[in-house]
Amino acid sequence: MLSRRSVRIKIMQLLYALNRDENLDITEVNKLYKSSIEQSFELFLFNIYAIVGICKYAIQDGEKRKKKHIPKEIDQAFTPKLYENELLQAVINDEKLQKKFKKHDFETKVNTEYLAKIYEEYSKSEAYEKFILSETNKDDYVELYLDLYRLCRSNEFFNEMLEDNYYNWIDDKSLVIGSFKKYIKAQPSAAGAFDEFYPDKETTKAFGEMLLKETHKKDKKLSDEIGPVIKNWDQERVAILDMILLKMAVTEMLNCETIPVKVTINEYVEVSKKYSTPKSKEFINGVLDKLFKNLEEKELIKKEGRGLTN
């Protein structure tokens, strides 16, 4: 579920922490990196747990509607099918998934008041009313859960709950959303299907750990390579994040044979747009272009397969 870009961001943040905190060393940072990978997967699982928790309030809702003295049409037609259906029950009855929920102690992390408020808001929506009053199939359930999830992502209570428990929610949000959508669309499926979304080793280990270790290990050499290219700039005045991104990009150019140089440059430019200064994108783009030409002249760039595409 983690992309190379998300891994680049994690590495950038860790190298920045290493630069600013003299008490940190590369061994500790490497542990933090591995922990951040687990945290991303846990965040994905927590999103599933939260949606199931919201849906469960349909049972209480049904009991309240039955007690109304003057029920409306929707009250009379209401059933807790948002929760009691084959698709969601496949998730609920996944023993392996439930063990993960318990392992991460989600019960203490979730804010039940927030879940209740989110359900109450969604229960008043036109989409939910139409769902209750209509015959429904698997596609209808999938669409409704995705609609509910869209509401959650714009809901202040949902975001507060996620941010309180997971510092990486903002950075990993788009990846978690994509994984959640795929997971829901695949239901009902075989038990343990959620494991398919665990970050793959090629991205996190072969790429990520290499990028972290090599960028740190060859910091002086990378500085010497970058220095002449930015000779008209005072290195002390170049944003710390920009220098880190430049070093990471050069490391990637030199070590990742299957990643085209243009892809590497574009990726670090995109990261700089979000995390560095307003002028960083032009700076990063220009410097990396010159660095690539220098490295190519020295015949240090070795590409193969997909990496040959420029």
Protein backbone atom coordinates (compact mmCIF):
# COMPACT_ATOMS: atom_id res chain seq x y z
CA MET A 1 0.00 0.00 0.00
CA LEU A 2 2.99 2.30 0.36
CA SER A 3 4.30 3.99 -2.79
CA ARG A 4 7.88 5.01 -3.39
CA ARG A 5 6.84 8.63 -2.94
CA SER A 6 5.47 7.95 0.53
CA VAL A 7 8.70 6.13 1.39
CA ARG A 8 10.74 9.10 0.11
CA ILE A 9 8.74 11.39 2.39
CA LYS A 10 9.34 9.15 5.40
CA ILE A 11 13.08 9.02 4.66
CA MET A 12 13.22 12.80 4.18
CA GLN A 13 11.54 13.38 7.54
CA LEU A 14 13.87 10.95 9.31
CA LEU A 15 17.01 12.44 7.77
CA TYR A 16 15.78 15.85 8.82
CA ALA A 17 15.27 14.59 12.38
CA LEU A 18 18.75 13.06 12.30
CA ASN A 19 20.16 16.41 11.15
CA ARG A 20 18.43 18.39 13.90
CA ASP A 21 18.64 16.00 16.86
CA GLU A 22 22.19 15.26 18.01
CA ASN A 23 20.92 12.47 20.25
CA LEU A 24 19.72 10.44 17.27
CA ASP A 25 21.95 8.00 15.41
CA ILE A 26 21.40 6.03 12.20
CA THR A 27 20.63 2.82 14.09
CA GLU A 28 17.79 4.50 15.97
CA VAL A 29 16.56 6.22 12.82
CA ASN A 30 16.47 2.91 10.96
CA LYS A 31 14.31 1.50 13.75
CA LEU A 32 12.04 4.53 13.48
CA TYR A 33 11.74 3.95 9.74
CA LYS A 34 10.66 0.34 10.22
CA SER A 35 8.22 1.45 12.89
CA SER A 36 6.73 4.04 10.51
CA ILE A 37 6.04 1.27 7.97
CA GLU A 38 4.12 -0.68 10.60
CA GLN A 39 2.34 2.52 11.61
CA SER A 40 1.08 3.05 8.07
CA PHE A 41 -0.42 -0.43 7.92
CA GLU A 42 -1.94 -0.02 11.37
CA LEU A 43 -3.52 3.24 10.22
CA PHE A 44 -5.16 1.38 7.33
CA LEU A 45 -6.55 -1.22 9.75
CA PHE A 46 -7.81 1.49 12.09
CA ASN A 47 -9.81 3.03 9.26
CA ILE A 48 -11.54 -0.31 8.71
CA TYR A 49 -12.22 -0.62 12.44
CA ALA A 50 -13.69 2.89 12.62
CA ILE A 51 -16.05 2.37 9.67
CA VAL A 52 -17.32 -0.89 11.14
CA GLY A 53 -17.85 0.91 14.45
CA ILE A 54 -19.87 3.65 12.77
CA CYS A 55 -22.04 1.12 10.94
CA LYS A 56 -22.81 -0.72 14.17
CA TYR A 57 -24.81 2.30 15.37
CA ALA A 58 -27.46 1.27 12.85
CA ILE A 59 -28.63 -1.29 15.43
CA GLN A 60 -29.26 1.39 18.07
CA ASP A 61 -30.84 3.58 15.42
CA GLY A 62 -33.30 0.80 14.54
CA GLU A 63 -34.31 0.35 18.17
CA LYS A 64 -34.99 4.08 18.56
CA ARG A 65 -37.08 4.23 15.40
CA LYS A 66 -39.28 1.36 16.62
CA LYS A 67 -40.18 3.37 19.72
CA LYS A 68 -41.42 6.42 17.82
CA HIS A 69 -45.10 7.20 18.42
CA ILE A 70 -45.56 8.71 14.99
CA PRO A 71 -43.06 6.95 12.75
CA LYS A 72 -42.26 8.18 9.24
CA GLU A 73 -42.07 5.94 6.21
CA ILE A 74 -38.32 5.50 6.62
CA ASP A 75 -38.76 4.61 10.32
CA GLN A 76 -41.20 1.84 9.41
CA ALA A 77 -38.99 0.54 6.61
CA PHE A 78 -35.76 0.80 8.60
CA THR A 79 -33.56 -2.23 9.17
CA PRO A 80 -29.94 -2.19 10.41
CA LYS A 81 -28.76 -3.56 7.06
CA LEU A 82 -25.89 -1.08 7.02
CA TYR A 83 -24.34 -3.37 9.64
CA GLU A 84 -26.19 -6.66 9.15
CA ASN A 85 -25.21 -7.71 5.65
CA GLU A 86 -22.93 -10.27 4.03
CA LEU A 87 -20.28 -7.78 3.01
CA LEU A 88 -19.67 -6.17 6.39
CA GLN A 89 -20.14 -9.41 8.27
CA ALA A 90 -17.30 -10.91 6.23
CA VAL A 91 -15.10 -8.18 7.69
CA ILE A 92 -16.46 -8.61 11.21
CA ASN A 93 -16.09 -12.40 11.15
CA ASP A 94 -12.53 -12.32 9.86
CA GLU A 95 -10.81 -13.79 12.92
CA LYS A 96 -7.33 -12.86 11.74
CA LEU A 97 -8.42 -9.27 11.28
CA GLN A 98 -10.09 -9.16 14.68
CA LYS A 99 -6.85 -10.38 16.28
CA LYS A 100 -5.06 -7.47 14.61
CA PHE A 101 -7.65 -5.07 16.03
CA LYS A 102 -7.04 -6.42 19.52
CA LYS A 103 -3.27 -6.45 19.11
CA HIS A 104 -3.28 -2.74 18.28
CA ASP A 105 -5.77 -2.00 21.07
CA PHE A 106 -8.14 -0.12 18.77
CA GLU A 107 -10.91 -0.29 21.34
CA THR A 108 -9.07 2.23 23.52
CA LYS A 109 -8.02 4.41 20.58
CA VAL A 110 -11.43 4.90 19.03
CA ASN A 111 -13.70 7.70 20.24
CA THR A 112 -17.17 6.16 20.41
CA GLU A 113 -18.85 9.53 20.85
CA TYR A 114 -17.31 10.68 17.60
CA LEU A 115 -18.44 7.51 15.83
CA ALA A 116 -21.99 8.04 17.06
CA LYS A 117 -21.98 11.64 15.84
CA ILE A 118 -20.69 10.61 12.43
CA TYR A 119 -23.40 7.95 12.13
CA GLU A 120 -26.06 10.46 13.17
CA GLU A 121 -24.89 12.89 10.50
CA TYR A 122 -24.82 10.21 7.83
CA SER A 123 -28.20 8.80 8.80
CA LYS A 124 -29.77 12.09 7.73
CA SER A 125 -28.25 11.97 4.25
CA GLU A 126 -30.25 11.43 1.10
CA ALA A 127 -28.00 8.53 0.08
CA TYR A 128 -28.69 6.66 3.32
CA GLU A 129 -32.43 7.22 3.14
CA LYS A 130 -32.49 5.94 -0.43
CA PHE A 131 -30.45 2.92 0.68
CA ILE A 132 -32.93 2.07 3.45
CA LEU A 133 -35.99 2.41 1.22
CA SER A 134 -34.59 0.42 -1.72
CA GLU A 135 -33.74 -3.15 -2.52
CA THR A 136 -29.97 -3.48 -2.31
CA ASN A 137 -27.24 -5.68 -3.75
CA LYS A 138 -23.51 -6.01 -3.21
CA ASP A 139 -22.69 -3.03 -5.45
CA ASP A 140 -25.10 -0.85 -3.47
CA TYR A 141 -23.38 -1.76 -0.21
CA VAL A 142 -19.95 -1.02 -1.64
CA GLU A 143 -21.09 2.35 -2.97
CA LEU A 144 -22.70 3.27 0.34
CA TYR A 145 -19.59 2.40 2.36
CA LEU A 146 -17.48 4.47 0.01
CA ASP A 147 -19.97 7.33 0.36
CA LEU A 148 -19.83 7.02 4.15
CA TYR A 149 -16.03 7.00 3.98
CA ARG A 150 -16.06 10.18 1.90
CA LEU A 151 -18.14 11.87 4.59
CA CYS A 152 -15.73 10.63 7.26
CA ARG A 153 -12.72 12.13 5.53
CA SER A 154 -14.34 15.57 5.55
CA ASN A 155 -15.64 15.18 9.10
CA GLU A 156 -13.77 17.08 11.83
CA PHE A 157 -14.44 14.40 14.44
CA PHE A 158 -13.08 11.62 12.24
CA ASN A 159 -9.95 13.57 11.33
CA GLU A 160 -9.35 14.62 14.92
CA MET A 161 -9.58 10.99 16.05
CA LEU A 162 -7.14 9.89 13.36
CA GLU A 163 -4.68 12.71 14.01
CA ASP A 164 -4.79 12.12 17.78
CA ASN A 165 -3.73 8.50 17.32
CA TYR A 166 -1.62 8.61 14.16
CA TYR A 167 0.86 11.38 13.37
CA ASN A 168 1.17 9.96 9.84
CA TRP A 169 -2.51 10.35 8.91
CA ILE A 170 -1.93 13.49 6.83
CA ASP A 171 1.11 12.07 5.00
CA ASP A 172 -0.38 8.61 4.39
CA LYS A 173 -3.98 9.69 3.88
CA SER A 174 -4.20 9.22 0.11
CA LEU A 175 -2.58 5.78 0.27
CA VAL A 176 -4.82 4.60 3.09
CA ILE A 177 -7.90 5.85 1.21
CA GLY A 178 -6.89 3.97 -1.93
CA SER A 179 -6.22 0.77 0.01
CA PHE A 180 -9.50 1.06 1.91
CA LYS A 181 -11.46 1.43 -1.33
CA LYS A 182 -9.81 -1.66 -2.85
CA TYR A 183 -10.39 -3.64 0.32
CA ILE A 184 -14.10 -2.80 0.50
CA LYS A 185 -14.65 -3.49 -3.18
CA ALA A 186 -13.09 -6.94 -2.75
CA GLN A 187 -15.54 -7.94 0.00
CA PRO A 188 -16.92 -10.41 0.84
CA SER A 189 -13.69 -12.31 0.29
CA ALA A 190 -11.48 -14.91 1.87
CA ALA A 191 -10.33 -14.33 5.42
CA GLY A 192 -7.08 -12.42 5.75
CA ALA A 193 -7.51 -10.39 2.55
CA PHE A 194 -6.37 -7.28 4.45
CA ASP A 195 -2.82 -8.71 4.52
CA GLU A 196 -2.54 -8.02 0.80
CA PHE A 197 -2.21 -4.34 1.69
CA TYR A 198 0.85 -4.75 3.89
CA PRO A 199 3.70 -2.61 2.43
CA ASP A 200 5.82 -4.73 0.09
CA LYS A 201 9.49 -5.36 0.85
CA GLU A 202 10.72 -4.20 -2.56
CA THR A 203 9.43 -0.70 -1.83
CA THR A 204 10.13 -0.48 1.89
CA LYS A 205 13.32 -2.52 2.24
CA ALA A 206 15.14 -2.79 -1.11
CA PHE A 207 14.33 0.84 -1.96
CA GLY A 208 13.58 2.56 1.35
CA GLU A 209 16.27 1.13 3.61
CA MET A 210 18.88 1.55 0.88
CA LEU A 211 17.89 5.20 0.37
CA LEU A 212 18.11 5.93 4.08
CA LYS A 213 21.41 4.15 4.76
CA GLU A 214 23.24 5.23 1.61
CA THR A 215 22.20 8.89 1.87
CA HIS A 216 23.41 9.00 5.47
CA LYS A 217 26.56 6.94 4.90
CA LYS A 218 27.74 9.04 1.93
CA ASP A 219 26.64 12.42 3.26
CA LYS A 220 30.09 14.03 2.86
CA LYS A 221 30.60 12.62 -0.62
CA LEU A 222 27.14 13.81 -1.67
CA SER A 223 27.83 17.29 -0.29
CA ASP A 224 31.07 17.42 -2.31
CA GLU A 225 29.16 16.41 -5.46
CA ILE A 226 26.40 18.97 -4.93
CA GLY A 227 28.64 21.82 -3.73
CA PRO A 228 30.09 22.93 -7.09
CA VAL A 229 26.66 22.90 -8.71
CA ILE A 230 25.31 25.35 -6.15
CA LYS A 231 28.51 27.43 -5.97
CA ASN A 232 26.49 30.60 -6.52
CA TRP A 233 24.43 29.72 -3.48
CA ASP A 234 25.60 29.91 0.10
CA GLN A 235 25.23 26.30 1.27
CA GLU A 236 24.48 27.53 4.76
CA ARG A 237 21.48 29.45 3.39
CA VAL A 238 20.07 26.58 1.30
CA ALA A 239 17.04 25.13 3.07
CA ILE A 240 18.00 22.05 5.08
CA LEU A 241 15.17 20.06 3.51
CA ASP A 242 16.33 21.04 0.02
CA MET A 243 19.84 19.73 0.71
CA ILE A 244 18.39 16.51 2.08
CA LEU A 245 16.19 16.09 -0.98
CA LEU A 246 19.13 16.74 -3.32
CA LYS A 247 21.24 14.13 -1.53
CA MET A 248 18.43 11.61 -1.60
CA ALA A 249 17.85 12.21 -5.30
CA VAL A 250 21.52 11.72 -6.17
CA THR A 251 21.58 8.53 -4.08
CA GLU A 252 18.55 7.32 -6.00
CA MET A 253 20.08 8.19 -9.39
CA LEU A 254 23.24 6.26 -8.52
CA ASN A 255 21.69 3.20 -6.89
CA CYS A 256 18.25 2.57 -8.42
CA GLU A 257 18.96 1.15 -11.85
CA THR A 258 15.30 0.56 -12.77
CA ILE A 259 14.05 4.08 -11.91
CA PRO A 260 14.39 6.57 -14.81
CA VAL A 261 16.28 9.75 -13.92
CA LYS A 262 13.35 11.91 -15.07
CA VAL A 263 11.08 10.06 -12.65
CA THR A 264 13.54 10.65 -9.80
CA ILE A 265 13.82 14.38 -10.56
CA ASN A 266 10.05 14.82 -10.92
CA GLU A 267 9.39 12.97 -7.67
CA TYR A 268 11.70 15.14 -5.60
CA VAL A 269 10.34 18.29 -7.20
CA GLU A 270 6.83 17.17 -6.20
CA VAL A 271 7.92 16.42 -2.63
CA SER A 272 9.58 19.84 -2.37
CA LYS A 273 6.34 21.56 -3.44
CA LYS A 274 4.55 20.15 -0.41
CA TYR A 275 7.26 20.14 2.24
CA SER A 276 9.81 22.87 1.47
CA THR A 277 9.85 26.55 0.51
CA PRO A 278 7.84 28.18 -2.32
CA LYS A 279 10.99 28.55 -4.44
CA SER A 280 12.30 25.05 -3.75
CA LYS A 281 10.72 23.35 -6.76
CA GLU A 282 12.66 25.48 -9.27
CA PHE A 283 15.86 25.14 -7.23
CA ILE A 284 15.55 21.36 -6.87
CA ASN A 285 14.65 20.89 -10.54
CA GLY A 286 17.53 23.02 -11.82
CA VAL A 287 20.19 21.59 -9.52
CA LEU A 288 19.17 17.96 -10.14
CA ASP A 289 19.24 18.50 -13.89
CA LYS A 290 22.84 19.78 -13.66
CA LEU A 291 23.83 17.01 -11.25
CA PHE A 292 22.46 14.37 -13.60
CA LYS A 293 24.51 15.75 -16.50
CA ASN A 294 27.65 15.79 -14.34
CA LEU A 295 27.12 12.22 -13.14
CA GLU A 296 26.36 11.06 -16.67
CA GLU A 297 29.59 12.60 -17.97
CA LYS A 298 31.46 10.71 -15.26
CA GLU A 299 29.65 7.54 -16.40
CA LEU A 300 28.29 7.01 -12.90
CA ILE A 301 24.66 6.63 -13.97
CA LYS A 302 23.84 2.99 -14.68
CA LYS A 303 20.30 2.19 -15.77
CA GLU A 304 18.59 -0.94 -17.02
CA GLY A 305 15.09 -2.10 -17.93
CA ARG A 306 12.51 0.54 -17.09
CA GLY A 307 15.29 2.79 -15.86
CA LEU A 308 16.46 3.35 -19.42
CA THR A 309 13.35 5.40 -20.19
CA ASN A 310 14.32 9.07 -20.06
